[in-house]
Amino acid sequence: MADPGKESSKADEISAFDLPLNALGLTQPLQWLALGWRDFRRQPLIGLFYGFCFMAMGWALLETYQRSPAWILWLSAGFLLLGPLLCMGLYQVSLRLERGQPPSLADSMTAWRTRTSQLAIFGFALLILEMLWGRSALVVFAVSFDGMPELGGSLLKLLEPENYGFIISYLCVGAVFAGLIFAISVISIPMILDEQVDAITAALTSLRLCLTQPGVMLVWGALITLLVLLAMLPGFAGLLVVGPVIGHASWHAYRAALGAR
């Protein structure tokens, strides 16, 4: 049995700037998706459970829009930020499959218990960024409109020519926050779950990966964005499958970047 003291000492020695990162190819994101699809097919019921959770989040967005359109963009940002945390159960399933262990829904839903403190720190950081993003979205609304716009139940009205300034401003603000969130979280939560590292080391390692290999990370981010947008079109039903497949694929992205050590 491993000595906890030795494991803790080993964790303390790990530095975000010392961990070797594997060189990734521009086509590897497609391989990660293929591996994610494979994991989904091996445990479809668990995957569909998480897929339904993603779809229910989409329905919540629609309900929020009908009741309070001003908060739809803020809530959308919040869901995007919480995505990496919600995928933790899928990472756990892929980890079990990789080790030849039988996954279970209960095990995936309680994966956070093994690294509670570090995941809490990381989750708090995401919450702060979500609040900043949400506040920024409201500021953009406030300076772009005299009060909240009357959309008549259709977000398509935002595409009218008089709203182009708002669209550009919001997309620029969103791109900054979305890029930052993606950069610090693309492999950090799988890393926290898999290794004895703290939240800061994991976030810095993820950021270093994006800064040193921006091309493949941009391809990966673009693929995620495209697939999620397409999955949202038929009443969010596509998220039943796309959500868990991307979750599993993100585990394989982490494994490709750092490898099994």
C-alpha atoms as a PDB file:
ATOM      1  CA  MET A   1       0.000   0.000   0.000  1.00  0.00           C
ATOM      2  CA  ALA A   2       1.375   3.413  -0.944  1.00  0.00           C
ATOM      3  CA  ASP A   3       2.495   5.718   1.829  1.00  0.00           C
ATOM      4  CA  PRO A   4       0.162   8.789   1.897  1.00  0.00           C
ATOM      5  CA  GLY A   5       3.049  10.906   3.084  1.00  0.00           C
ATOM      6  CA  LYS A   6       5.141   9.944   0.087  1.00  0.00           C
ATOM      7  CA  GLU A   7       2.221  10.605  -2.277  1.00  0.00           C
ATOM      8  CA  SER A   8       1.752  14.051  -0.748  1.00  0.00           C
ATOM      9  CA  SER A   9       5.471  14.765  -1.056  1.00  0.00           C
ATOM     10  CA  LYS A  10       5.399  13.697  -4.703  1.00  0.00           C
ATOM     11  CA  ALA A  11       2.419  15.957  -5.365  1.00  0.00           C
ATOM     12  CA  ASP A  12       4.241  18.901  -3.796  1.00  0.00           C
ATOM     13  CA  GLU A  13       7.180  18.379  -6.161  1.00  0.00           C
ATOM     14  CA  ILE A  14       5.034  18.561  -9.304  1.00  0.00           C
ATOM     15  CA  SER A  15       5.381  21.901 -11.079  1.00  0.00           C
ATOM     16  CA  ALA A  16       3.186  23.186 -13.867  1.00  0.00           C
ATOM     17  CA  PHE A  17       6.318  24.342 -15.680  1.00  0.00           C
ATOM     18  CA  ASP A  18       8.175  21.035 -15.348  1.00  0.00           C
ATOM     19  CA  LEU A  19       5.520  18.626 -16.609  1.00  0.00           C
ATOM     20  CA  PRO A  20       6.413  17.475 -20.133  1.00  0.00           C
ATOM     21  CA  LEU A  21       3.680  18.072 -22.698  1.00  0.00           C
ATOM     22  CA  ASN A  22       3.349  15.821 -25.719  1.00  0.00           C
ATOM     23  CA  ALA A  23       3.417  17.358 -29.186  1.00  0.00           C
ATOM     24  CA  LEU A  24      -0.091  17.214 -30.656  1.00  0.00           C
ATOM     25  CA  GLY A  25      -1.130  17.111 -34.292  1.00  0.00           C
ATOM     26  CA  LEU A  26      -3.879  19.190 -35.851  1.00  0.00           C
ATOM     27  CA  THR A  27      -5.896  16.069 -36.700  1.00  0.00           C
ATOM     28  CA  GLN A  28      -5.771  14.596 -33.202  1.00  0.00           C
ATOM     29  CA  PRO A  29      -9.012  16.283 -32.031  1.00  0.00           C
ATOM     30  CA  LEU A  30     -10.820  14.020 -34.507  1.00  0.00           C
ATOM     31  CA  GLN A  31      -9.164  11.031 -32.877  1.00  0.00           C
ATOM     32  CA  TRP A  32     -10.303  12.247 -29.450  1.00  0.00           C
ATOM     33  CA  LEU A  33     -13.866  12.449 -30.719  1.00  0.00           C
ATOM     34  CA  ALA A  34     -13.607   8.911 -32.110  1.00  0.00           C
ATOM     35  CA  LEU A  35     -12.354   7.672 -28.741  1.00  0.00           C
ATOM     36  CA  GLY A  36     -15.117   9.602 -26.987  1.00  0.00           C
ATOM     37  CA  TRP A  37     -17.693   7.932 -29.224  1.00  0.00           C
ATOM     38  CA  ARG A  38     -16.154   4.568 -28.374  1.00  0.00           C
ATOM     39  CA  ASP A  39     -16.451   5.219 -24.635  1.00  0.00           C
ATOM     40  CA  PHE A  40     -20.035   6.386 -25.068  1.00  0.00           C
ATOM     41  CA  ARG A  41     -20.949   3.192 -26.911  1.00  0.00           C
ATOM     42  CA  ARG A  42     -19.321   1.085 -24.183  1.00  0.00           C
ATOM     43  CA  GLN A  43     -21.408   2.778 -21.457  1.00  0.00           C
ATOM     44  CA  PRO A  44     -24.418   4.281 -23.266  1.00  0.00           C
ATOM     45  CA  LEU A  45     -26.793   4.416 -20.298  1.00  0.00           C
ATOM     46  CA  ILE A  46     -24.388   6.439 -18.175  1.00  0.00           C
ATOM     47  CA  GLY A  47     -23.682   8.685 -21.134  1.00  0.00           C
ATOM     48  CA  LEU A  48     -27.382   9.230 -21.831  1.00  0.00           C
ATOM     49  CA  PHE A  49     -27.937  10.180 -18.195  1.00  0.00           C
ATOM     50  CA  TYR A  50     -25.400  12.986 -18.488  1.00  0.00           C
ATOM     51  CA  GLY A  51     -26.697  13.845 -21.947  1.00  0.00           C
ATOM     52  CA  PHE A  52     -30.171  14.308 -20.488  1.00  0.00           C
ATOM     53  CA  CYS A  53     -28.691  16.627 -17.848  1.00  0.00           C
ATOM     54  CA  PHE A  54     -27.159  18.742 -20.618  1.00  0.00           C
ATOM     55  CA  MET A  55     -30.447  18.771 -22.513  1.00  0.00           C
ATOM     56  CA  ALA A  56     -32.336  19.798 -19.363  1.00  0.00           C
ATOM     57  CA  MET A  57     -29.918  22.705 -18.974  1.00  0.00           C
ATOM     58  CA  GLY A  58     -30.896  23.809 -22.473  1.00  0.00           C
ATOM     59  CA  TRP A  59     -34.565  23.660 -21.574  1.00  0.00           C
ATOM     60  CA  ALA A  60     -33.809  25.764 -18.489  1.00  0.00           C
ATOM     61  CA  LEU A  61     -32.219  28.359 -20.757  1.00  0.00           C
ATOM     62  CA  LEU A  62     -35.384  28.538 -22.877  1.00  0.00           C
ATOM     63  CA  GLU A  63     -37.562  28.892 -19.803  1.00  0.00           C
ATOM     64  CA  THR A  64     -35.329  31.639 -18.460  1.00  0.00           C
ATOM     65  CA  TYR A  65     -35.497  33.488 -21.767  1.00  0.00           C
ATOM     66  CA  GLN A  66     -39.290  33.402 -21.773  1.00  0.00           C
ATOM     67  CA  ARG A  67     -39.464  34.770 -18.227  1.00  0.00           C
ATOM     68  CA  SER A  68     -36.457  37.109 -18.123  1.00  0.00           C
ATOM     69  CA  PRO A  69     -34.650  37.677 -21.453  1.00  0.00           C
ATOM     70  CA  ALA A  70     -32.080  39.957 -19.819  1.00  0.00           C
ATOM     71  CA  TRP A  71     -30.554  37.046 -17.951  1.00  0.00           C
ATOM     72  CA  ILE A  72     -30.326  34.560 -20.815  1.00  0.00           C
ATOM     73  CA  LEU A  73     -26.786  35.518 -21.855  1.00  0.00           C
ATOM     74  CA  TRP A  74     -25.534  35.515 -18.262  1.00  0.00           C
ATOM     75  CA  LEU A  75     -27.056  32.112 -17.591  1.00  0.00           C
ATOM     76  CA  SER A  76     -25.638  30.797 -20.869  1.00  0.00           C
ATOM     77  CA  ALA A  77     -22.190  31.910 -19.761  1.00  0.00           C
ATOM     78  CA  GLY A  78     -22.682  30.202 -16.425  1.00  0.00           C
ATOM     79  CA  PHE A  79     -23.598  26.902 -18.047  1.00  0.00           C
ATOM     80  CA  LEU A  80     -20.574  27.108 -20.326  1.00  0.00           C
ATOM     81  CA  LEU A  81     -18.322  27.683 -17.345  1.00  0.00           C
ATOM     82  CA  LEU A  82     -19.807  24.817 -15.368  1.00  0.00           C
ATOM     83  CA  GLY A  83     -19.484  22.408 -18.298  1.00  0.00           C
ATOM     84  CA  PRO A  84     -16.006  21.130 -17.343  1.00  0.00           C
ATOM     85  CA  LEU A  85     -17.202  20.419 -13.798  1.00  0.00           C
ATOM     86  CA  LEU A  86     -20.347  18.654 -15.011  1.00  0.00           C
ATOM     87  CA  CYS A  87     -18.243  16.460 -17.298  1.00  0.00           C
ATOM     88  CA  MET A  88     -16.287  15.127 -14.328  1.00  0.00           C
ATOM     89  CA  GLY A  89     -18.466  12.052 -14.120  1.00  0.00           C
ATOM     90  CA  LEU A  90     -17.735  11.279 -17.771  1.00  0.00           C
ATOM     91  CA  TYR A  91     -14.012  11.657 -17.125  1.00  0.00           C
ATOM     92  CA  GLN A  92     -14.373   9.127 -14.331  1.00  0.00           C
ATOM     93  CA  VAL A  93     -16.100   6.661 -16.647  1.00  0.00           C
ATOM     94  CA  SER A  94     -13.322   6.997 -19.237  1.00  0.00           C
ATOM     95  CA  LEU A  95     -10.723   6.556 -16.498  1.00  0.00           C
ATOM     96  CA  ARG A  96     -12.386   3.331 -15.315  1.00  0.00           C
ATOM     97  CA  LEU A  97     -12.614   1.997 -18.870  1.00  0.00           C
ATOM     98  CA  GLU A  98      -8.956   2.841 -19.452  1.00  0.00           C
ATOM     99  CA  ARG A  99      -7.974   0.871 -16.351  1.00  0.00           C
ATOM    100  CA  GLY A 100     -10.168  -2.068 -17.237  1.00  0.00           C
ATOM    101  CA  GLN A 101     -12.464  -1.407 -14.274  1.00  0.00           C
ATOM    102  CA  PRO A 102     -16.270  -1.531 -14.469  1.00  0.00           C
ATOM    103  CA  PRO A 103     -17.766   1.992 -14.416  1.00  0.00           C
ATOM    104  CA  SER A 104     -20.991   2.773 -12.620  1.00  0.00           C
ATOM    105  CA  LEU A 105     -23.296   5.767 -12.502  1.00  0.00           C
ATOM    106  CA  ALA A 106     -22.899   6.075  -8.735  1.00  0.00           C
ATOM    107  CA  ASP A 107     -19.125   6.083  -9.025  1.00  0.00           C
ATOM    108  CA  SER A 108     -19.197   8.739 -11.747  1.00  0.00           C
ATOM    109  CA  MET A 109     -21.505  10.974  -9.725  1.00  0.00           C
ATOM    110  CA  THR A 110     -19.236  10.843  -6.681  1.00  0.00           C
ATOM    111  CA  ALA A 111     -15.900  11.188  -8.495  1.00  0.00           C
ATOM    112  CA  TRP A 112     -15.418  14.595  -6.881  1.00  0.00           C
ATOM    113  CA  ARG A 113     -15.016  13.038  -3.423  1.00  0.00           C
ATOM    114  CA  THR A 114     -11.433  11.947  -4.090  1.00  0.00           C
ATOM    115  CA  ARG A 115     -10.249  15.515  -4.757  1.00  0.00           C
ATOM    116  CA  THR A 116     -12.855  17.633  -3.006  1.00  0.00           C
ATOM    117  CA  SER A 117     -10.695  20.535  -1.849  1.00  0.00           C
ATOM    118  CA  GLN A 118      -8.874  21.107  -5.139  1.00  0.00           C
ATOM    119  CA  LEU A 119     -12.025  20.767  -7.210  1.00  0.00           C
ATOM    120  CA  ALA A 120     -13.739  23.225  -4.883  1.00  0.00           C
ATOM    121  CA  ILE A 121     -10.932  25.734  -5.422  1.00  0.00           C
ATOM    122  CA  PHE A 122     -11.152  25.329  -9.167  1.00  0.00           C
ATOM    123  CA  GLY A 123     -14.946  25.542  -9.095  1.00  0.00           C
ATOM    124  CA  PHE A 124     -14.754  28.752  -7.061  1.00  0.00           C
ATOM    125  CA  ALA A 125     -12.415  30.257  -9.644  1.00  0.00           C
ATOM    126  CA  LEU A 126     -14.895  29.352 -12.388  1.00  0.00           C
ATOM    127  CA  LEU A 127     -17.702  30.906 -10.371  1.00  0.00           C
ATOM    128  CA  ILE A 128     -15.797  34.183 -10.052  1.00  0.00           C
ATOM    129  CA  LEU A 129     -15.178  34.236 -13.788  1.00  0.00           C
ATOM    130  CA  GLU A 130     -18.864  33.450 -14.432  1.00  0.00           C
ATOM    131  CA  MET A 131     -19.881  36.401 -12.272  1.00  0.00           C
ATOM    132  CA  LEU A 132     -17.475  38.701 -14.086  1.00  0.00           C
ATOM    133  CA  TRP A 133     -18.703  37.442 -17.453  1.00  0.00           C
ATOM    134  CA  GLY A 134     -22.334  37.848 -16.434  1.00  0.00           C
ATOM    135  CA  ARG A 135     -21.761  41.363 -15.115  1.00  0.00           C
ATOM    136  CA  SER A 136     -19.917  42.275 -18.314  1.00  0.00           C
ATOM    137  CA  ALA A 137     -22.847  40.976 -20.372  1.00  0.00           C
ATOM    138  CA  LEU A 138     -25.278  43.175 -18.454  1.00  0.00           C
ATOM    139  CA  VAL A 139     -23.008  46.190 -18.883  1.00  0.00           C
ATOM    140  CA  VAL A 140     -22.932  45.594 -22.639  1.00  0.00           C
ATOM    141  CA  PHE A 141     -26.741  45.427 -22.619  1.00  0.00           C
ATOM    142  CA  ALA A 142     -26.965  48.629 -20.577  1.00  0.00           C
ATOM    143  CA  VAL A 143     -24.708  50.689 -22.838  1.00  0.00           C
ATOM    144  CA  SER A 144     -26.181  49.271 -26.055  1.00  0.00           C
ATOM    145  CA  PHE A 145     -29.885  49.767 -25.328  1.00  0.00           C
ATOM    146  CA  ASP A 146     -32.119  52.261 -23.557  1.00  0.00           C
ATOM    147  CA  GLY A 147     -33.403  49.657 -21.133  1.00  0.00           C
ATOM    148  CA  MET A 148     -33.748  46.032 -22.148  1.00  0.00           C
ATOM    149  CA  PRO A 149     -34.607  45.371 -25.808  1.00  0.00           C
ATOM    150  CA  GLU A 150     -38.037  44.133 -26.808  1.00  0.00           C
ATOM    151  CA  LEU A 151     -37.213  40.908 -28.610  1.00  0.00           C
ATOM    152  CA  GLY A 152     -40.754  39.625 -28.921  1.00  0.00           C
ATOM    153  CA  GLY A 153     -39.696  36.117 -27.945  1.00  0.00           C
ATOM    154  CA  SER A 154     -37.085  35.864 -30.693  1.00  0.00           C
ATOM    155  CA  LEU A 155     -33.345  36.241 -30.289  1.00  0.00           C
ATOM    156  CA  LEU A 156     -33.198  36.641 -34.079  1.00  0.00           C
ATOM    157  CA  LYS A 157     -34.303  40.261 -33.614  1.00  0.00           C
ATOM    158  CA  LEU A 158     -30.865  40.945 -32.178  1.00  0.00           C
ATOM    159  CA  LEU A 159     -29.547  40.414 -35.721  1.00  0.00           C
ATOM    160  CA  GLU A 160     -31.271  43.531 -37.004  1.00  0.00           C
ATOM    161  CA  PRO A 161     -28.823  46.188 -38.327  1.00  0.00           C
ATOM    162  CA  GLU A 162     -29.361  48.602 -35.446  1.00  0.00           C
ATOM    163  CA  ASN A 163     -28.105  45.937 -33.021  1.00  0.00           C
ATOM    164  CA  TYR A 164     -24.809  45.184 -34.773  1.00  0.00           C
ATOM    165  CA  GLY A 165     -22.835  47.286 -32.292  1.00  0.00           C
ATOM    166  CA  PHE A 166     -24.254  45.266 -29.411  1.00  0.00           C
ATOM    167  CA  ILE A 167     -23.502  41.951 -31.160  1.00  0.00           C
ATOM    168  CA  ILE A 168     -19.880  42.900 -31.837  1.00  0.00           C
ATOM    169  CA  SER A 169     -19.346  44.158 -28.285  1.00  0.00           C
ATOM    170  CA  TYR A 170     -20.913  41.116 -26.686  1.00  0.00           C
ATOM    171  CA  LEU A 171     -19.010  38.678 -28.880  1.00  0.00           C
ATOM    172  CA  CYS A 172     -15.714  40.410 -28.091  1.00  0.00           C
ATOM    173  CA  VAL A 173     -16.365  40.300 -24.353  1.00  0.00           C
ATOM    174  CA  GLY A 174     -17.565  36.707 -24.567  1.00  0.00           C
ATOM    175  CA  ALA A 175     -14.539  35.667 -26.619  1.00  0.00           C
ATOM    176  CA  VAL A 176     -12.179  36.978 -23.939  1.00  0.00           C
ATOM    177  CA  PHE A 177     -13.900  35.109 -21.117  1.00  0.00           C
ATOM    178  CA  ALA A 178     -14.605  31.959 -23.146  1.00  0.00           C
ATOM    179  CA  GLY A 179     -10.995  31.822 -24.318  1.00  0.00           C
ATOM    180  CA  LEU A 180      -9.706  32.201 -20.773  1.00  0.00           C
ATOM    181  CA  ILE A 181     -12.044  29.548 -19.408  1.00  0.00           C
ATOM    182  CA  PHE A 182     -11.163  27.128 -22.174  1.00  0.00           C
ATOM    183  CA  ALA A 183      -7.443  27.724 -21.714  1.00  0.00           C
ATOM    184  CA  ILE A 184      -7.384  27.016 -17.982  1.00  0.00           C
ATOM    185  CA  SER A 185      -9.872  24.154 -17.991  1.00  0.00           C
ATOM    186  CA  VAL A 186      -9.288  22.154 -21.185  1.00  0.00           C
ATOM    187  CA  ILE A 187      -7.249  19.485 -19.346  1.00  0.00           C
ATOM    188  CA  SER A 188      -7.207  20.747 -15.755  1.00  0.00           C
ATOM    189  CA  ILE A 189     -10.146  18.863 -14.236  1.00  0.00           C
ATOM    190  CA  PRO A 190      -9.173  15.480 -15.746  1.00  0.00           C
ATOM    191  CA  MET A 191      -5.686  16.196 -14.423  1.00  0.00           C
ATOM    192  CA  ILE A 192      -6.933  16.975 -10.916  1.00  0.00           C
ATOM    193  CA  LEU A 193      -9.032  13.821 -10.986  1.00  0.00           C
ATOM    194  CA  ASP A 194      -6.235  11.606 -12.257  1.00  0.00           C
ATOM    195  CA  GLU A 195      -3.151  12.938 -10.489  1.00  0.00           C
ATOM    196  CA  GLN A 196      -2.158  14.317  -7.108  1.00  0.00           C
ATOM    197  CA  VAL A 197      -1.906  17.934  -8.261  1.00  0.00           C
ATOM    198  CA  ASP A 198      -3.421  21.123  -6.920  1.00  0.00           C
ATOM    199  CA  ALA A 199      -5.889  23.278  -8.816  1.00  0.00           C
ATOM    200  CA  ILE A 200      -3.352  26.003  -9.604  1.00  0.00           C
ATOM    201  CA  THR A 201      -0.841  23.552 -11.082  1.00  0.00           C
ATOM    202  CA  ALA A 202      -3.557  21.941 -13.199  1.00  0.00           C
ATOM    203  CA  ALA A 203      -4.853  25.301 -14.467  1.00  0.00           C
ATOM    204  CA  LEU A 204      -1.342  26.537 -15.299  1.00  0.00           C
ATOM    205  CA  THR A 205      -0.529  23.291 -17.103  1.00  0.00           C
ATOM    206  CA  SER A 206      -3.714  23.633 -19.159  1.00  0.00           C
ATOM    207  CA  LEU A 207      -2.868  27.256 -19.934  1.00  0.00           C
ATOM    208  CA  ARG A 208       0.694  26.287 -20.907  1.00  0.00           C
ATOM    209  CA  LEU A 209      -0.684  23.667 -23.303  1.00  0.00           C
ATOM    210  CA  CYS A 210      -2.858  26.268 -25.036  1.00  0.00           C
ATOM    211  CA  LEU A 211      -0.049  28.812 -25.241  1.00  0.00           C
ATOM    212  CA  THR A 212       2.565  26.387 -26.552  1.00  0.00           C
ATOM    213  CA  GLN A 213       0.282  24.531 -28.973  1.00  0.00           C
ATOM    214  CA  PRO A 214      -2.367  27.088 -29.947  1.00  0.00           C
ATOM    215  CA  GLY A 215      -3.148  25.581 -33.335  1.00  0.00           C
ATOM    216  CA  VAL A 216      -4.440  22.222 -32.168  1.00  0.00           C
ATOM    217  CA  MET A 217      -6.187  23.789 -29.183  1.00  0.00           C
ATOM    218  CA  LEU A 218      -7.994  26.243 -31.469  1.00  0.00           C
ATOM    219  CA  VAL A 219      -9.099  23.334 -33.658  1.00  0.00           C
ATOM    220  CA  TRP A 220     -10.322  21.473 -30.573  1.00  0.00           C
ATOM    221  CA  GLY A 221     -12.192  24.501 -29.248  1.00  0.00           C
ATOM    222  CA  ALA A 222     -13.765  25.158 -32.643  1.00  0.00           C
ATOM    223  CA  LEU A 223     -14.907  21.536 -32.941  1.00  0.00           C
ATOM    224  CA  ILE A 224     -16.501  21.647 -29.488  1.00  0.00           C
ATOM    225  CA  THR A 225     -18.273  24.909 -30.293  1.00  0.00           C
ATOM    226  CA  LEU A 226     -19.550  23.675 -33.656  1.00  0.00           C
ATOM    227  CA  LEU A 227     -20.806  20.356 -32.315  1.00  0.00           C
ATOM    228  CA  VAL A 228     -22.566  21.969 -29.351  1.00  0.00           C
ATOM    229  CA  LEU A 229     -24.252  24.567 -31.558  1.00  0.00           C
ATOM    230  CA  LEU A 230     -25.474  21.890 -33.969  1.00  0.00           C
ATOM    231  CA  ALA A 231     -26.680  19.735 -31.057  1.00  0.00           C
ATOM    232  CA  MET A 232     -28.720  22.644 -29.694  1.00  0.00           C
ATOM    233  CA  LEU A 233     -30.701  23.185 -32.890  1.00  0.00           C
ATOM    234  CA  PRO A 234     -33.273  20.346 -32.592  1.00  0.00           C
ATOM    235  CA  GLY A 235     -34.621  21.423 -29.195  1.00  0.00           C
ATOM    236  CA  PHE A 236     -31.286  20.593 -27.515  1.00  0.00           C
ATOM    237  CA  ALA A 237     -31.976  16.916 -28.238  1.00  0.00           C
ATOM    238  CA  GLY A 238     -28.585  16.485 -29.867  1.00  0.00           C
ATOM    239  CA  LEU A 239     -26.941  17.073 -26.498  1.00  0.00           C
ATOM    240  CA  LEU A 240     -28.150  13.643 -25.427  1.00  0.00           C
ATOM    241  CA  VAL A 241     -25.260  12.183 -27.424  1.00  0.00           C
ATOM    242  CA  VAL A 242     -22.972  15.096 -28.279  1.00  0.00           C
ATOM    243  CA  GLY A 243     -22.604  16.174 -24.634  1.00  0.00           C
ATOM    244  CA  PRO A 244     -21.276  12.859 -23.283  1.00  0.00           C
ATOM    245  CA  VAL A 245     -19.157  12.186 -26.383  1.00  0.00           C
ATOM    246  CA  ILE A 246     -17.384  15.535 -25.939  1.00  0.00           C
ATOM    247  CA  GLY A 247     -16.966  14.789 -22.240  1.00  0.00           C
ATOM    248  CA  HIS A 248     -15.290  11.461 -22.946  1.00  0.00           C
ATOM    249  CA  ALA A 249     -13.243  13.015 -25.754  1.00  0.00           C
ATOM    250  CA  SER A 250     -11.954  15.677 -23.365  1.00  0.00           C
ATOM    251  CA  TRP A 251     -10.511  12.929 -21.192  1.00  0.00           C
ATOM    252  CA  HIS A 252      -8.625  11.584 -24.188  1.00  0.00           C
ATOM    253  CA  ALA A 253      -7.418  15.103 -25.029  1.00  0.00           C
ATOM    254  CA  TYR A 254      -5.907  15.265 -21.544  1.00  0.00           C
ATOM    255  CA  ARG A 255      -4.366  11.827 -21.919  1.00  0.00           C
ATOM    256  CA  ALA A 256      -2.875  12.742 -25.303  1.00  0.00           C
ATOM    257  CA  ALA A 257      -1.343  15.925 -23.890  1.00  0.00           C
ATOM    258  CA  LEU A 258       0.215  14.421 -20.779  1.00  0.00           C
ATOM    259  CA  GLY A 259       0.108  10.669 -21.289  1.00  0.00           C
ATOM    260  CA  ALA A 260      -0.136   8.053 -18.546  1.00  0.00           C
ATOM    261  CA  ARG A 261       2.561   8.670 -15.954  1.00  0.00           C
END
